């Protein structure tokens, strides 16, 4: 058989088909021809609507990273003159007790810095409120070297007391009275425990 031509149904094919049709049991019995003509055709059944295609979801937003809690700000630098005049006078006269003292003069800056920090931590832990830090006045300048050459620690200690690790410990400082070393020493007021 050539392509493109329709196959013809032979008489034998029709007979076979008729035989199969008669032997088959219909799923629904057909009504007799007179009933079929009198019965109106059933109304077309409405098919349920296909569900609407899902709306495209917006790209999921990445969750915001949790904001870390803000670090507590260190207390402000202790002020020079963190003592009232009355307290300084009483300290100078010896009517107010000094809780502890440390003598730094003769040390290198590195050793003095380390020792002072440890001393202040220990004094505060022991409940101390006012301590005496002796820095020394420094040696006189040698001729021809330039600069004053006096009191490296005397100049450095106040800067240290205003720096971050010391701020947590110190609430104020003041030059000591003559009896305790004058310009070569400082009265240092410690912060109360838990008052950072």
N, C-alpha and C. Protein backbone atom coordinates (compact mmCIF):
# COMPACT_ATOMS: atom_id res chain seq x y z
N UNK A 1 0.84 -1.17 0.00
CA UNK A 1 0.00 0.00 0.00
C UNK A 1 0.89 1.23 0.00
N UNK A 2 0.58 2.16 -0.87
CA UNK A 2 1.36 3.38 -0.95
C UNK A 2 0.91 4.36 0.11
N UNK A 3 1.84 5.12 0.55
CA UNK A 3 1.50 6.15 1.54
C UNK A 3 0.64 7.20 0.89
N UNK A 4 -0.19 7.83 1.74
CA UNK A 4 -1.01 8.92 1.24
C UNK A 4 -2.37 8.44 0.79
N UNK A 5 -2.57 7.18 0.44
CA UNK A 5 -3.88 6.69 0.04
C UNK A 5 -4.60 6.15 1.25
N UNK A 6 -5.91 6.36 1.32
CA UNK A 6 -6.70 5.85 2.44
C UNK A 6 -6.96 4.38 2.23
N UNK A 7 -6.88 3.67 3.35
CA UNK A 7 -7.17 2.23 3.27
C UNK A 7 -8.68 2.04 3.11
N UNK A 8 -9.09 1.16 2.26
CA UNK A 8 -10.51 0.91 2.03
C UNK A 8 -10.98 -0.21 2.94
N UNK A 9 -12.21 -0.04 3.50
CA UNK A 9 -12.76 -1.06 4.37
C UNK A 9 -13.49 -2.06 3.47
N UNK A 10 -13.12 -3.26 3.68
CA UNK A 10 -13.73 -4.31 2.85
C UNK A 10 -15.03 -4.78 3.50
N UNK A 11 -15.81 -5.55 2.76
CA UNK A 11 -17.07 -6.10 3.26
C UNK A 11 -16.82 -7.04 4.42
N UNK A 12 -15.77 -7.75 4.37
CA UNK A 12 -15.43 -8.69 5.44
C UNK A 12 -15.12 -7.92 6.74
N UNK A 13 -14.41 -6.77 6.64
CA UNK A 13 -14.12 -5.94 7.82
C UNK A 13 -15.42 -5.45 8.47
N UNK A 14 -16.39 -5.09 7.66
CA UNK A 14 -17.65 -4.60 8.21
C UNK A 14 -18.40 -5.70 8.93
N UNK A 15 -18.37 -6.88 8.40
CA UNK A 15 -19.06 -7.99 9.05
C UNK A 15 -18.42 -8.30 10.41
N UNK A 16 -17.15 -8.31 10.44
CA UNK A 16 -16.44 -8.59 11.70
C UNK A 16 -16.77 -7.50 12.74
N UNK A 17 -16.79 -6.29 12.30
CA UNK A 17 -17.08 -5.19 13.22
C UNK A 17 -18.50 -5.32 13.78
N UNK A 18 -19.44 -5.66 12.94
CA UNK A 18 -20.83 -5.81 13.37
C UNK A 18 -20.95 -6.93 14.37
N UNK A 19 -20.23 -7.99 14.19
CA UNK A 19 -20.24 -9.13 15.10
C UNK A 19 -19.67 -8.72 16.49
N UNK A 20 -18.61 -7.98 16.47
CA UNK A 20 -18.00 -7.52 17.73
C UNK A 20 -18.95 -6.57 18.45
N UNK A 21 -19.59 -5.69 17.69
CA UNK A 21 -20.47 -4.71 18.31
C UNK A 21 -21.65 -5.37 18.98
N UNK A 22 -22.21 -6.39 18.37
CA UNK A 22 -23.36 -7.07 18.94
C UNK A 22 -22.98 -7.89 20.18
N UNK A 23 -21.79 -8.42 20.20
CA UNK A 23 -21.38 -9.26 21.33
C UNK A 23 -20.92 -8.43 22.52
N UNK A 24 -20.64 -7.19 22.31
CA UNK A 24 -20.15 -6.34 23.40
C UNK A 24 -21.30 -5.86 24.25
N UNK A 25 -21.08 -5.78 25.55
CA UNK A 25 -22.09 -5.27 26.48
C UNK A 25 -21.79 -3.78 26.68
N UNK A 26 -22.78 -2.94 26.36
CA UNK A 26 -22.53 -1.51 26.52
C UNK A 26 -22.43 -1.12 28.00
N UNK A 27 -21.66 -0.10 28.30
CA UNK A 27 -21.54 0.38 29.67
C UNK A 27 -22.86 0.98 30.14
N UNK A 28 -23.53 1.70 29.23
CA UNK A 28 -24.86 2.22 29.52
C UNK A 28 -25.79 1.65 28.45
N UNK A 29 -26.87 1.06 28.90
CA UNK A 29 -27.77 0.53 27.86
C UNK A 29 -28.41 1.67 27.08
N UNK A 30 -28.51 1.50 25.79
CA UNK A 30 -29.11 2.53 24.94
C UNK A 30 -30.62 2.42 25.04
N UNK A 31 -31.33 3.55 25.19
CA UNK A 31 -32.79 3.49 25.24
C UNK A 31 -33.34 3.12 23.85
N UNK A 32 -34.54 2.56 23.84
CA UNK A 32 -35.14 2.25 22.53
C UNK A 32 -35.27 3.54 21.70
N UNK A 33 -35.24 3.44 20.39
CA UNK A 33 -35.24 4.62 19.53
C UNK A 33 -36.38 5.60 19.81
N UNK A 34 -37.60 5.12 20.16
CA UNK A 34 -38.70 6.05 20.39
C UNK A 34 -38.52 6.84 21.68
N UNK A 35 -37.90 6.22 22.73
CA UNK A 35 -37.67 6.91 23.99
C UNK A 35 -36.54 7.93 23.80
N UNK A 36 -35.56 7.53 23.02
CA UNK A 36 -34.42 8.41 22.80
C UNK A 36 -34.85 9.69 22.12
N UNK A 37 -35.84 9.59 21.18
CA UNK A 37 -36.29 10.79 20.48
C UNK A 37 -37.07 11.70 21.40
N UNK A 38 -37.84 11.14 22.39
CA UNK A 38 -38.69 11.94 23.25
C UNK A 38 -37.90 12.58 24.41
N UNK A 39 -36.80 11.96 24.77
CA UNK A 39 -36.03 12.47 25.91
C UNK A 39 -35.13 13.60 25.45
N UNK A 40 -35.28 14.76 26.11
CA UNK A 40 -34.40 15.87 25.71
C UNK A 40 -32.96 15.56 26.13
N UNK A 41 -32.11 16.07 25.38
CA UNK A 41 -30.70 15.85 25.68
C UNK A 41 -30.37 16.53 27.02
N UNK A 42 -29.61 15.86 27.87
CA UNK A 42 -29.28 16.48 29.16
C UNK A 42 -28.43 17.73 28.94
N UNK A 43 -28.60 18.67 29.85
CA UNK A 43 -27.82 19.90 29.69
C UNK A 43 -26.33 19.56 29.83
N UNK A 44 -25.54 20.32 29.14
CA UNK A 44 -24.11 20.02 29.23
C UNK A 44 -23.63 20.22 30.68
N UNK A 45 -22.83 19.30 31.10
CA UNK A 45 -22.30 19.36 32.47
C UNK A 45 -21.13 20.35 32.49
N UNK A 46 -21.22 21.25 33.45
CA UNK A 46 -20.13 22.22 33.55
C UNK A 46 -18.95 21.56 34.25
N UNK A 47 -17.88 21.56 33.56
CA UNK A 47 -16.68 20.97 34.16
C UNK A 47 -16.10 21.94 35.18
N UNK A 48 -15.58 21.40 36.28
CA UNK A 48 -14.99 22.33 37.26
C UNK A 48 -13.81 23.07 36.63
N UNK A 49 -13.71 24.30 37.04
CA UNK A 49 -12.62 25.11 36.50
C UNK A 49 -11.29 24.57 37.02
N UNK A 50 -10.36 24.59 36.14
CA UNK A 50 -9.02 24.17 36.55
C UNK A 50 -8.48 25.21 37.53
N UNK A 51 -7.80 24.76 38.55
CA UNK A 51 -7.28 25.75 39.50
C UNK A 51 -6.31 26.70 38.80
N UNK A 52 -6.37 27.93 39.25
CA UNK A 52 -5.49 28.94 38.66
C UNK A 52 -4.05 28.54 38.94
N UNK A 53 -3.20 28.78 37.98
CA UNK A 53 -1.80 28.44 38.22
C UNK A 53 -1.29 29.26 39.41
N UNK A 54 -0.44 28.67 40.20
CA UNK A 54 0.05 29.41 41.37
C UNK A 54 0.82 30.65 40.94
N UNK A 55 0.62 31.71 41.75
CA UNK A 55 1.33 32.95 41.45
C UNK A 55 2.80 32.73 41.74
N UNK A 56 3.62 33.26 40.87
CA UNK A 56 5.06 33.08 41.16
C UNK A 56 5.40 33.80 42.45
N UNK A 57 6.07 33.08 43.31
CA UNK A 57 6.46 33.67 44.60
C UNK A 57 7.66 34.57 44.40
N UNK A 58 7.61 35.63 45.14
CA UNK A 58 8.77 36.54 45.09
C UNK A 58 9.95 35.80 45.69
N UNK A 59 11.09 36.13 45.20
CA UNK A 59 12.28 35.48 45.73
C UNK A 59 12.33 35.70 47.23
N UNK A 60 12.56 34.64 47.94
CA UNK A 60 12.59 34.73 49.40
C UNK A 60 13.71 35.66 49.81
N UNK A 61 13.35 36.58 50.69
CA UNK A 61 14.37 37.51 51.16
C UNK A 61 15.26 36.79 52.15
N UNK A 62 16.50 37.05 52.01
CA UNK A 62 17.44 36.46 52.95
C UNK A 62 17.18 37.08 54.31
N UNK A 63 17.16 36.25 55.36
CA UNK A 63 16.91 36.84 56.67
C UNK A 63 18.01 37.82 57.04
N UNK A 64 17.60 38.87 57.70
CA UNK A 64 18.58 39.87 58.13
C UNK A 64 19.50 39.25 59.15
N UNK A 65 20.76 39.53 59.03
CA UNK A 65 21.64 39.00 60.08
C UNK A 65 21.30 39.67 61.40
N UNK A 66 21.36 38.88 62.44
CA UNK A 66 21.05 39.42 63.76
C UNK A 66 22.05 40.50 64.10
N UNK A 67 21.52 41.61 64.55
CA UNK A 67 22.40 42.71 64.93
C UNK A 67 22.99 42.40 66.29
N UNK A 68 24.31 42.37 66.34
CA UNK A 68 24.89 42.08 67.66
C UNK A 68 24.57 43.21 68.63
N UNK A 69 24.39 42.84 69.87
CA UNK A 69 24.10 43.92 70.83
C UNK A 69 25.25 44.91 70.86
N UNK A 70 24.88 46.14 71.02
CA UNK A 70 25.90 47.19 71.05
C UNK A 70 26.82 46.99 72.24
N UNK A 71 28.10 47.14 71.99
CA UNK A 71 29.05 47.02 73.08
C UNK A 71 28.87 48.21 74.00
N UNK A 72 28.90 47.96 75.29
CA UNK A 72 28.77 49.10 76.19
C UNK A 72 29.96 50.04 76.01
N UNK A 73 29.66 51.31 76.00
CA UNK A 73 30.72 52.29 75.82
C UNK A 73 31.56 52.33 77.10
N UNK A 74 32.87 52.45 76.93
CA UNK A 74 33.67 52.58 78.14
C UNK A 74 33.35 53.90 78.81
N UNK A 75 33.52 53.95 80.11
CA UNK A 75 33.23 55.21 80.79
C UNK A 75 34.13 56.32 80.26
N UNK A 76 33.72 57.55 80.42
CA UNK A 76 34.56 58.65 79.93
C UNK A 76 35.89 58.67 80.68
N UNK A 77 36.85 59.31 80.06
CA UNK A 77 38.17 59.41 80.68
C UNK A 77 38.03 60.11 82.03
N UNK A 78 38.71 59.59 83.04
CA UNK A 78 38.58 60.22 84.34
C UNK A 78 39.12 61.65 84.28
N UNK A 79 38.44 62.55 84.90
CA UNK A 79 38.88 63.95 84.82
C UNK A 79 40.05 64.21 85.76
N UNK A 80 40.90 65.10 85.30
CA UNK A 80 41.92 65.62 86.20
C UNK A 80 41.14 66.46 87.19
N UNK A 81 41.47 66.32 88.43
CA UNK A 81 40.69 67.06 89.42
C UNK A 81 39.41 66.35 89.72
N UNK A 82 39.45 65.01 89.71
CA UNK A 82 38.25 64.22 90.00
C UNK A 82 37.92 64.23 91.49
N UNK A 83 38.58 65.07 92.26
CA UNK A 83 38.35 65.17 93.70
C UNK A 83 37.88 66.58 94.03
N UNK A 84 37.05 66.69 95.03
CA UNK A 84 36.69 68.04 95.49
C UNK A 84 37.81 68.56 96.39
N UNK A 85 37.90 69.86 96.52
CA UNK A 85 38.99 70.50 97.29
C UNK A 85 39.04 69.98 98.72
N UNK A 86 37.88 69.79 99.30
CA UNK A 86 37.82 69.35 100.70
C UNK A 86 38.49 67.99 100.86
N UNK A 87 38.22 67.07 99.94
CA UNK A 87 38.82 65.73 100.01
C UNK A 87 40.32 65.81 99.82
N UNK A 88 40.78 66.62 98.85
CA UNK A 88 42.21 66.76 98.60
C UNK A 88 42.90 67.31 99.86
N UNK A 89 42.29 68.30 100.49
CA UNK A 89 42.86 68.87 101.71
C UNK A 89 42.95 67.81 102.81
N UNK A 90 41.91 67.04 102.97
CA UNK A 90 41.91 66.00 104.01
C UNK A 90 42.93 64.91 103.71
N UNK A 91 43.07 64.56 102.42
CA UNK A 91 44.09 63.57 102.04
C UNK A 91 45.48 64.11 102.35
N UNK A 92 45.71 65.38 101.99
CA UNK A 92 47.02 66.00 102.22
C UNK A 92 47.37 66.05 103.70
N UNK A 93 46.40 66.28 104.54
CA UNK A 93 46.62 66.36 105.99
C UNK A 93 46.69 64.99 106.64
N UNK A 94 46.23 63.98 105.90
CA UNK A 94 46.24 62.63 106.47
C UNK A 94 45.00 62.30 107.28
N UNK A 95 43.95 63.13 107.17
CA UNK A 95 42.71 62.84 107.90
C UNK A 95 41.79 61.89 107.13
N UNK A 96 42.05 61.69 105.85
CA UNK A 96 41.35 60.67 105.05
C UNK A 96 42.39 59.63 104.68
N UNK A 97 42.05 58.38 104.94
CA UNK A 97 43.02 57.30 104.72
C UNK A 97 43.19 57.00 103.23
N UNK A 98 44.40 56.67 102.88
CA UNK A 98 44.72 56.18 101.54
C UNK A 98 44.69 54.65 101.66
N UNK A 99 43.93 54.00 100.79
CA UNK A 99 43.72 52.55 100.91
C UNK A 99 44.93 51.73 100.49
N UNK A 100 45.71 52.21 99.53
CA UNK A 100 46.90 51.47 99.08
C UNK A 100 47.81 52.45 98.35
N UNK A 101 49.07 52.05 98.18
CA UNK A 101 50.02 52.90 97.45
C UNK A 101 50.95 52.03 96.64
N UNK A 102 51.44 52.61 95.53
CA UNK A 102 52.41 51.93 94.67
C UNK A 102 53.46 52.96 94.27
N UNK A 103 54.71 52.52 94.25
CA UNK A 103 55.83 53.39 93.88
C UNK A 103 56.37 52.90 92.53
N UNK A 104 56.22 53.70 91.50
CA UNK A 104 56.63 53.30 90.14
C UNK A 104 57.98 53.88 89.74
N UNK A 105 58.48 54.88 90.46
CA UNK A 105 59.68 55.55 89.94
C UNK A 105 60.86 54.59 89.92
N UNK A 106 61.67 54.75 88.86
CA UNK A 106 62.79 53.86 88.61
C UNK A 106 62.44 52.70 87.68
N UNK A 107 61.16 52.51 87.34
CA UNK A 107 60.75 51.41 86.45
C UNK A 107 60.73 51.89 85.00
N UNK A 108 60.81 50.92 84.08
CA UNK A 108 60.62 51.26 82.66
C UNK A 108 59.13 51.55 82.45
N UNK A 109 58.82 52.22 81.36
CA UNK A 109 57.40 52.52 81.09
C UNK A 109 56.58 51.25 80.96
N UNK A 110 57.14 50.26 80.27
CA UNK A 110 56.40 49.01 80.07
C UNK A 110 56.12 48.32 81.40
N UNK A 111 57.13 48.20 82.24
CA UNK A 111 56.96 47.55 83.54
C UNK A 111 56.00 48.36 84.42
N UNK A 112 56.15 49.69 84.39
CA UNK A 112 55.29 50.54 85.21
C UNK A 112 53.83 50.44 84.77
N UNK A 113 53.61 50.43 83.49
CA UNK A 113 52.23 50.32 82.95
C UNK A 113 51.59 49.03 83.43
N UNK A 114 52.30 47.93 83.28
CA UNK A 114 51.78 46.62 83.68
C UNK A 114 51.51 46.59 85.19
N UNK A 115 52.47 47.02 85.97
CA UNK A 115 52.33 46.99 87.43
C UNK A 115 51.17 47.88 87.90
N UNK A 116 51.05 49.06 87.30
CA UNK A 116 49.99 49.98 87.71
C UNK A 116 48.61 49.39 87.43
N UNK A 117 48.43 48.81 86.24
CA UNK A 117 47.14 48.22 85.90
C UNK A 117 46.78 47.11 86.88
N UNK A 118 47.73 46.22 87.16
CA UNK A 118 47.48 45.11 88.10
C UNK A 118 47.20 45.65 89.52
N UNK A 119 47.94 46.67 89.93
CA UNK A 119 47.75 47.27 91.24
C UNK A 119 46.34 47.85 91.38
N UNK A 120 45.88 48.59 90.35
CA UNK A 120 44.55 49.21 90.41
C UNK A 120 43.45 48.14 90.42
N UNK A 121 43.63 47.09 89.62
CA UNK A 121 42.65 46.00 89.60
C UNK A 121 42.55 45.36 90.98
N UNK A 122 43.70 45.05 91.58
CA UNK A 122 43.71 44.40 92.89
C UNK A 122 43.13 45.32 93.97
N UNK A 123 43.48 46.61 93.94
CA UNK A 123 42.97 47.56 94.94
C UNK A 123 41.46 47.67 94.85
N UNK A 124 40.95 47.74 93.64
CA UNK A 124 39.50 47.83 93.46
C UNK A 124 38.82 46.56 93.93
N UNK A 125 39.42 45.40 93.60
CA UNK A 125 38.85 44.12 94.03
C UNK A 125 38.81 44.02 95.56
N UNK A 126 39.78 44.65 96.23
CA UNK A 126 39.82 44.63 97.70
C UNK A 126 38.90 45.68 98.32
N UNK A 127 38.20 46.44 97.48
CA UNK A 127 37.27 47.45 97.98
C UNK A 127 37.91 48.81 98.21
N UNK A 128 39.13 49.01 97.73
CA UNK A 128 39.80 50.30 97.88
C UNK A 128 39.08 51.39 97.11
N UNK A 129 39.13 52.62 97.65
CA UNK A 129 38.50 53.75 96.97
C UNK A 129 39.52 54.79 96.54
N UNK A 130 40.53 55.05 97.38
CA UNK A 130 41.53 56.06 97.03
C UNK A 130 42.91 55.43 97.23
N UNK A 131 43.74 55.53 96.17
CA UNK A 131 45.10 54.98 96.23
C UNK A 131 46.09 56.07 95.85
N UNK A 132 47.33 55.86 96.25
CA UNK A 132 48.39 56.81 95.93
C UNK A 132 49.33 56.16 94.93
N UNK A 133 49.57 56.83 93.80
CA UNK A 133 50.49 56.34 92.77
C UNK A 133 51.68 57.28 92.75
N UNK A 134 52.86 56.76 93.12
CA UNK A 134 54.08 57.57 93.14
C UNK A 134 54.82 57.36 91.83
N UNK A 135 54.99 58.44 91.10
CA UNK A 135 55.66 58.36 89.80
C UNK A 135 57.09 58.87 89.89
N UNK A 136 57.39 59.70 90.85
CA UNK A 136 58.69 60.37 90.92
C UNK A 136 58.64 61.61 90.07
N UNK A 137 59.49 62.55 90.39
CA UNK A 137 59.52 63.82 89.63
C UNK A 137 60.42 63.72 88.42
N UNK A 138 61.29 62.75 88.39
CA UNK A 138 62.19 62.60 87.26
C UNK A 138 63.51 63.31 87.51
N UNK A 139 64.55 62.83 86.83
CA UNK A 139 65.89 63.40 86.98
C UNK A 139 65.99 64.69 86.18
N UNK A 140 66.85 65.60 86.59
CA UNK A 140 67.03 66.82 85.80
C UNK A 140 67.63 66.51 84.44
N UNK A 141 67.37 67.36 83.48
CA UNK A 141 67.87 67.15 82.12
C UNK A 141 69.38 67.28 82.09
N UNK A 142 69.99 66.44 81.25
CA UNK A 142 71.44 66.56 81.07
C UNK A 142 71.70 67.65 80.05
N UNK A 143 72.72 68.44 80.26
CA UNK A 143 72.99 69.52 79.31
C UNK A 143 73.29 68.98 77.91
N UNK A 144 72.74 69.65 76.90
CA UNK A 144 73.03 69.30 75.51
C UNK A 144 72.12 68.23 74.93
N UNK A 145 71.23 67.60 75.73
CA UNK A 145 70.35 66.55 75.18
C UNK A 145 69.05 67.13 74.65
N UNK A 146 68.72 68.33 75.03
CA UNK A 146 67.46 68.92 74.57
C UNK A 146 66.30 68.36 75.36
N UNK A 147 65.19 69.06 75.40
CA UNK A 147 64.01 68.60 76.13
C UNK A 147 64.24 68.71 77.63
N UNK A 148 63.18 68.47 78.37
CA UNK A 148 63.29 68.63 79.82
C UNK A 148 63.95 67.42 80.44
N UNK A 149 63.70 66.21 79.88
CA UNK A 149 64.29 64.99 80.41
C UNK A 149 63.73 64.63 81.76
N UNK A 150 62.74 65.33 82.26
CA UNK A 150 62.22 65.09 83.59
C UNK A 150 60.91 64.33 83.53
N UNK A 151 60.78 63.39 84.42
CA UNK A 151 59.50 62.76 84.71
C UNK A 151 58.78 62.07 83.58
N UNK A 152 59.41 61.07 82.97
CA UNK A 152 58.74 60.32 81.90
C UNK A 152 57.48 59.68 82.46
N UNK A 153 57.58 59.01 83.60
CA UNK A 153 56.41 58.37 84.19
C UNK A 153 55.42 59.42 84.71
N UNK A 154 55.94 60.52 85.19
CA UNK A 154 55.06 61.58 85.69
C UNK A 154 54.14 62.08 84.58
N UNK A 155 54.66 62.14 83.34
CA UNK A 155 53.84 62.56 82.19
C UNK A 155 53.00 61.41 81.65
N UNK A 156 53.53 60.19 81.71
CA UNK A 156 52.85 59.05 81.10
C UNK A 156 51.65 58.56 81.92
N UNK A 157 51.78 58.52 83.23
CA UNK A 157 50.72 57.93 84.07
C UNK A 157 49.36 58.61 83.87
N UNK A 158 49.26 59.95 83.85
CA UNK A 158 47.94 60.55 83.59
C UNK A 158 47.35 60.14 82.24
N UNK A 159 48.21 59.99 81.23
CA UNK A 159 47.70 59.51 79.92
C UNK A 159 47.17 58.09 80.04
N UNK A 160 47.89 57.25 80.77
CA UNK A 160 47.43 55.86 80.96
C UNK A 160 46.09 55.85 81.67
N UNK A 161 45.95 56.67 82.68
CA UNK A 161 44.71 56.68 83.46
C UNK A 161 43.50 57.06 82.62
N UNK A 162 43.74 57.80 81.51
CA UNK A 162 42.64 58.18 80.61
C UNK A 162 42.42 57.16 79.50
N UNK A 163 43.28 56.14 79.40
CA UNK A 163 43.16 55.15 78.32
C UNK A 163 42.16 54.06 78.69
N UNK A 164 41.72 53.32 77.66
CA UNK A 164 40.62 52.35 77.79
C UNK A 164 40.76 51.37 78.95
N UNK A 165 41.87 50.64 79.11
CA UNK A 165 41.84 49.65 80.19
C UNK A 165 41.75 50.28 81.58
N UNK A 166 42.29 51.48 81.74
CA UNK A 166 42.27 52.13 83.06
C UNK A 166 40.93 52.82 83.34
N UNK A 167 40.22 53.24 82.30
CA UNK A 167 38.95 53.94 82.49
C UNK A 167 37.95 53.11 83.28
N UNK A 168 38.02 51.80 83.10
CA UNK A 168 37.09 50.93 83.79
C UNK A 168 37.35 50.89 85.29
N UNK A 169 38.53 51.32 85.69
CA UNK A 169 38.93 51.24 87.09
C UNK A 169 38.93 52.59 87.79
N UNK A 170 39.22 53.66 87.05
CA UNK A 170 39.51 54.97 87.64
C UNK A 170 38.39 55.96 87.36
N UNK A 171 37.95 56.67 88.40
CA UNK A 171 36.93 57.71 88.19
C UNK A 171 37.50 59.12 88.27
N UNK A 172 38.72 59.26 88.75
CA UNK A 172 39.33 60.58 88.80
C UNK A 172 40.72 60.51 89.43
N UNK A 173 41.51 61.56 89.22
CA UNK A 173 42.84 61.63 89.83
C UNK A 173 43.21 63.09 90.03
N UNK A 174 44.16 63.30 90.91
CA UNK A 174 44.58 64.66 91.28
C UNK A 174 46.02 64.59 91.75
N UNK A 175 46.80 65.66 91.51
CA UNK A 175 48.17 65.71 92.05
C UNK A 175 48.11 65.58 93.56
N UNK A 176 49.04 64.83 94.09
CA UNK A 176 49.07 64.61 95.54
C UNK A 176 49.57 65.85 96.27
N UNK A 177 49.27 65.93 97.56
CA UNK A 177 49.78 67.00 98.41
C UNK A 177 51.27 66.77 98.70
N UNK A 178 51.95 67.79 99.20
CA UNK A 178 53.39 67.69 99.48
C UNK A 178 53.74 66.52 100.37
N UNK A 179 52.95 66.29 101.33
CA UNK A 179 53.20 65.22 102.30
C UNK A 179 53.30 63.85 101.62
N UNK A 180 52.59 63.68 100.47
CA UNK A 180 52.57 62.39 99.75
C UNK A 180 53.39 62.41 98.47
N UNK A 181 54.17 63.43 98.22
CA UNK A 181 55.04 63.45 97.04
C UNK A 181 54.79 64.59 96.09
N UNK A 182 53.77 65.40 96.33
CA UNK A 182 53.50 66.56 95.49
C UNK A 182 53.35 66.20 94.01
N UNK A 183 54.14 66.88 93.15
CA UNK A 183 54.04 66.65 91.71
C UNK A 183 54.52 65.28 91.29
N UNK A 184 55.20 64.57 92.16
CA UNK A 184 55.71 63.24 91.82
C UNK A 184 54.77 62.12 92.23
N UNK A 185 53.51 62.46 92.56
CA UNK A 185 52.54 61.43 92.97
C UNK A 185 51.13 61.88 92.62
N UNK A 186 50.23 60.92 92.56
CA UNK A 186 48.82 61.20 92.24
C UNK A 186 47.91 60.49 93.23
N UNK A 187 46.85 61.17 93.63
CA UNK A 187 45.75 60.50 94.32
C UNK A 187 44.85 59.97 93.20
N UNK A 188 44.47 58.72 93.29
CA UNK A 188 43.61 58.12 92.27
C UNK A 188 42.35 57.57 92.95
N UNK A 189 41.20 58.01 92.44
CA UNK A 189 39.91 57.50 92.97
C UNK A 189 39.48 56.33 92.08
N UNK A 190 39.17 55.21 92.70
CA UNK A 190 38.75 54.01 91.96
C UNK A 190 37.22 53.98 91.85
N UNK A 191 36.75 53.44 90.75
CA UNK A 191 35.32 53.24 90.55
C UNK A 191 34.84 52.14 91.49
N UNK A 192 33.61 52.26 91.92
CA UNK A 192 33.04 51.20 92.75
C UNK A 192 32.83 49.96 91.87
N UNK A 193 32.89 48.80 92.46
CA UNK A 193 32.66 47.55 91.71
C UNK A 193 31.24 47.60 91.16
N UNK A 194 31.08 47.19 89.90
CA UNK A 194 29.76 47.16 89.26
C UNK A 194 29.29 48.52 88.79
N UNK A 195 30.11 49.56 88.89
CA UNK A 195 29.69 50.90 88.48
C UNK A 195 30.35 51.30 87.18
N UNK A 196 30.59 50.34 86.25
CA UNK A 196 31.24 50.67 84.97
C UNK A 196 30.27 51.28 84.03
